[in-house]
Amino acid sequence: MTTIAYRDGVLAADTLINASGEVLGYTPKIGKAGRVLYGASGTTAWCWAFRSWVSRGCYGPPPERCDDKTGGFIVAPNDDLIVFHCEGVERRSGLPFYADGSGANYALGAMQMGADPVQAVKAAMVWDRKTGGEITVLKREG
C-alpha cells in the first residue's frame, strides 16, 4: 500500500509497490497539477488512472475504485482536501494535517506530535511493512 502525509503545503509519500509482502518495485504516489497537489493509494493501476484523471483537469467522473483499500485525495490551493474513498467523495476543511494509506495512522500520530510530512512517512516506514522505498516530496506554490 502506501503512506502519504500532508501538512502546511507539503506532501510526502513513500514509493514502494508490494503485493502480499513481496516487493514489486517503486513508483511515485503523489503529483502536482497546476496549483493542486494530489496523492493516491491502493492498486497501481487505479493510482495511475487517478493521477491521469487529475492531470487532465478532473474532467468526467473519477476512475472507479476496485476495493475499499483504494483511494486518493486532492489538496486545493486553500488547503481543503477532496477525498475519494469507498463511501464516495467528501470535502474536508480546516484539518491541521492529513494522511492516507496503510501507514496513515502512524503518520497521523507522528504529525500530532509535531512531525512534518517527511518525518511522518519515515515513522510509518518503521512500523508499516507496506511502506518503504524512497520518499518523494512536493510543495504547494504560493
Protein backbone atom coordinates (compact mmCIF):
# COMPACT_ATOMS: atom_id res chain seq x y z
CA MET A 1 0.00 0.00 0.00
CA THR A 2 1.31 3.41 0.88
CA THR A 3 1.82 6.24 3.29
CA ILE A 4 1.05 9.76 2.10
CA ALA A 5 1.23 12.70 4.51
CA TYR A 6 0.22 16.35 4.07
CA ARG A 7 0.78 19.40 6.24
CA ASP A 8 1.36 23.12 5.66
CA GLY A 9 1.65 22.93 1.88
CA VAL A 10 4.00 19.91 1.88
CA LEU A 11 3.01 16.48 0.54
CA ALA A 12 5.28 13.45 1.12
CA ALA A 13 4.91 9.77 0.22
CA ASP A 14 6.81 6.51 0.04
CA THR A 15 7.36 4.77 -3.31
CA LEU A 16 7.09 1.04 -2.51
CA ILE A 17 4.89 -1.23 -4.65
CA ASN A 18 4.15 -4.56 -2.99
CA ALA A 19 1.72 -7.43 -3.10
CA SER A 20 1.28 -9.85 -0.20
CA GLY A 21 4.55 -8.62 1.31
CA GLU A 22 6.56 -9.10 -1.90
CA VAL A 23 8.41 -6.05 -3.27
CA LEU A 24 7.29 -5.49 -6.86
CA GLY A 25 9.03 -2.18 -7.50
CA TYR A 26 8.81 1.53 -6.81
CA THR A 27 6.70 4.37 -8.20
CA PRO A 28 5.67 7.94 -7.32
CA LYS A 29 2.35 8.14 -5.45
CA ILE A 30 1.93 11.91 -5.37
CA GLY A 31 1.80 14.60 -8.01
CA LYS A 32 1.11 18.22 -8.85
CA ALA A 33 -1.29 19.57 -11.48
CA GLY A 34 -1.17 23.35 -11.65
CA ARG A 35 -1.79 24.61 -8.11
CA VAL A 36 -3.29 21.30 -6.96
CA LEU A 37 -1.39 18.57 -5.10
CA TYR A 38 -2.70 15.01 -5.10
CA GLY A 39 -1.95 11.51 -3.87
CA ALA A 40 -3.30 8.02 -4.44
CA SER A 41 -3.03 4.68 -2.66
CA GLY A 42 -4.10 1.15 -3.42
CA THR A 43 -3.64 -0.79 -6.62
CA THR A 44 -1.02 0.55 -9.02
CA ALA A 45 -3.48 0.55 -11.93
CA TRP A 46 -6.03 2.64 -10.03
CA CYS A 47 -3.37 5.04 -8.75
CA TRP A 48 -2.12 5.70 -12.28
CA ALA A 49 -5.71 6.16 -13.52
CA PHE A 50 -6.37 8.66 -10.71
CA ARG A 51 -3.13 10.55 -11.41
CA SER A 52 -4.03 10.71 -15.10
CA TRP A 53 -7.56 11.94 -14.32
CA VAL A 54 -6.27 14.72 -12.05
CA SER A 55 -3.54 15.70 -14.53
CA ARG A 56 -6.20 16.08 -17.24
CA GLY A 57 -8.11 18.55 -15.05
CA CYS A 58 -10.55 16.13 -13.35
CA TYR A 59 -12.84 16.10 -16.38
CA GLY A 60 -15.54 13.46 -16.26
CA PRO A 61 -16.06 11.02 -13.40
CA PRO A 62 -13.04 9.86 -11.39
CA PRO A 63 -11.83 6.30 -12.00
CA GLU A 64 -13.89 3.68 -10.20
CA ARG A 65 -12.25 2.23 -7.12
CA CYS A 66 -11.80 -1.52 -7.22
CA ASP A 67 -11.85 -2.12 -3.45
CA ASP A 68 -12.09 -0.38 -0.08
CA LYS A 69 -8.28 -0.04 0.18
CA THR A 70 -8.05 2.14 -2.92
CA GLY A 71 -8.41 5.90 -2.67
CA GLY A 72 -6.98 9.26 -3.43
CA PHE A 73 -7.17 12.89 -2.48
CA ILE A 74 -6.64 16.34 -3.90
CA VAL A 75 -5.29 19.28 -1.91
CA ALA A 76 -6.87 22.52 -3.15
CA PRO A 77 -4.86 25.76 -3.07
CA ASN A 78 -6.86 26.86 0.03
CA ASP A 79 -5.83 23.64 1.89
CA ASP A 80 -9.24 21.98 1.55
CA LEU A 81 -8.97 18.28 0.79
CA ILE A 82 -11.23 16.42 -1.62
CA VAL A 83 -11.05 12.78 -0.55
CA PHE A 84 -12.08 9.87 -2.81
CA HIS A 85 -12.76 6.69 -0.81
CA CYS A 86 -15.01 3.63 -0.77
CA GLU A 87 -18.04 5.56 0.51
CA GLY A 88 -17.74 8.27 -2.15
CA VAL A 89 -16.25 11.75 -2.29
CA GLU A 90 -16.10 14.30 0.50
CA ARG A 91 -14.59 17.72 1.10
CA ARG A 92 -12.68 18.26 4.34
CA SER A 93 -11.83 21.77 5.53
CA GLY A 94 -9.76 23.07 8.41
CA LEU A 95 -7.68 19.94 9.05
CA PRO A 96 -4.26 20.67 10.56
CA PHE A 97 -2.79 17.70 8.62
CA TYR A 98 -3.86 14.58 6.73
CA ALA A 99 -2.53 11.11 5.91
CA ASP A 100 -3.69 8.27 3.70
CA GLY A 101 -2.73 4.66 3.00
CA SER A 102 -1.79 1.65 5.08
CA GLY A 103 0.61 3.67 7.24
CA ALA A 104 -1.73 6.62 7.73
CA ASN A 105 -2.31 6.04 11.44
CA TYR A 106 1.44 6.05 12.13
CA ALA A 107 1.86 9.23 10.08
CA LEU A 108 -1.07 10.94 11.79
CA GLY A 109 0.35 10.07 15.21
CA ALA A 110 3.74 11.45 14.24
CA MET A 111 2.22 14.69 12.91
CA GLN A 112 0.11 15.04 16.06
CA MET A 113 3.40 15.08 17.95
CA GLY A 114 4.79 17.82 15.65
CA ALA A 115 6.39 15.86 12.79
CA ASP A 116 6.45 17.32 9.30
CA PRO A 117 5.18 15.12 6.42
CA VAL A 118 8.62 13.67 5.61
CA GLN A 119 9.21 12.71 9.25
CA ALA A 120 5.69 11.26 9.36
CA VAL A 121 6.33 9.00 6.34
CA LYS A 122 9.67 7.95 7.88
CA ALA A 123 7.83 7.00 11.09
CA ALA A 124 5.34 4.92 9.08
CA MET A 125 8.23 3.16 7.30
CA VAL A 126 9.42 1.86 10.67
CA TRP A 127 6.09 0.27 11.60
CA ASP A 128 4.15 -0.43 8.38
CA ARG A 129 5.64 -3.21 6.25
CA LYS A 130 3.72 -1.91 3.23
CA THR A 131 5.51 1.47 3.35
CA GLY A 132 9.04 1.75 2.01
CA GLY A 133 11.43 2.86 -0.71
CA GLU A 134 12.38 6.47 -1.25
CA ILE A 135 10.33 9.41 -0.01
CA THR A 136 9.08 11.87 -2.61
CA VAL A 137 8.16 15.41 -1.60
CA LEU A 138 6.12 18.12 -3.32
CA LYS A 139 5.43 21.64 -2.11
CA ARG A 140 2.44 23.82 -2.88
CA GLU A 141 3.22 27.04 -4.72
CA GLY A 142 2.49 30.34 -3.02
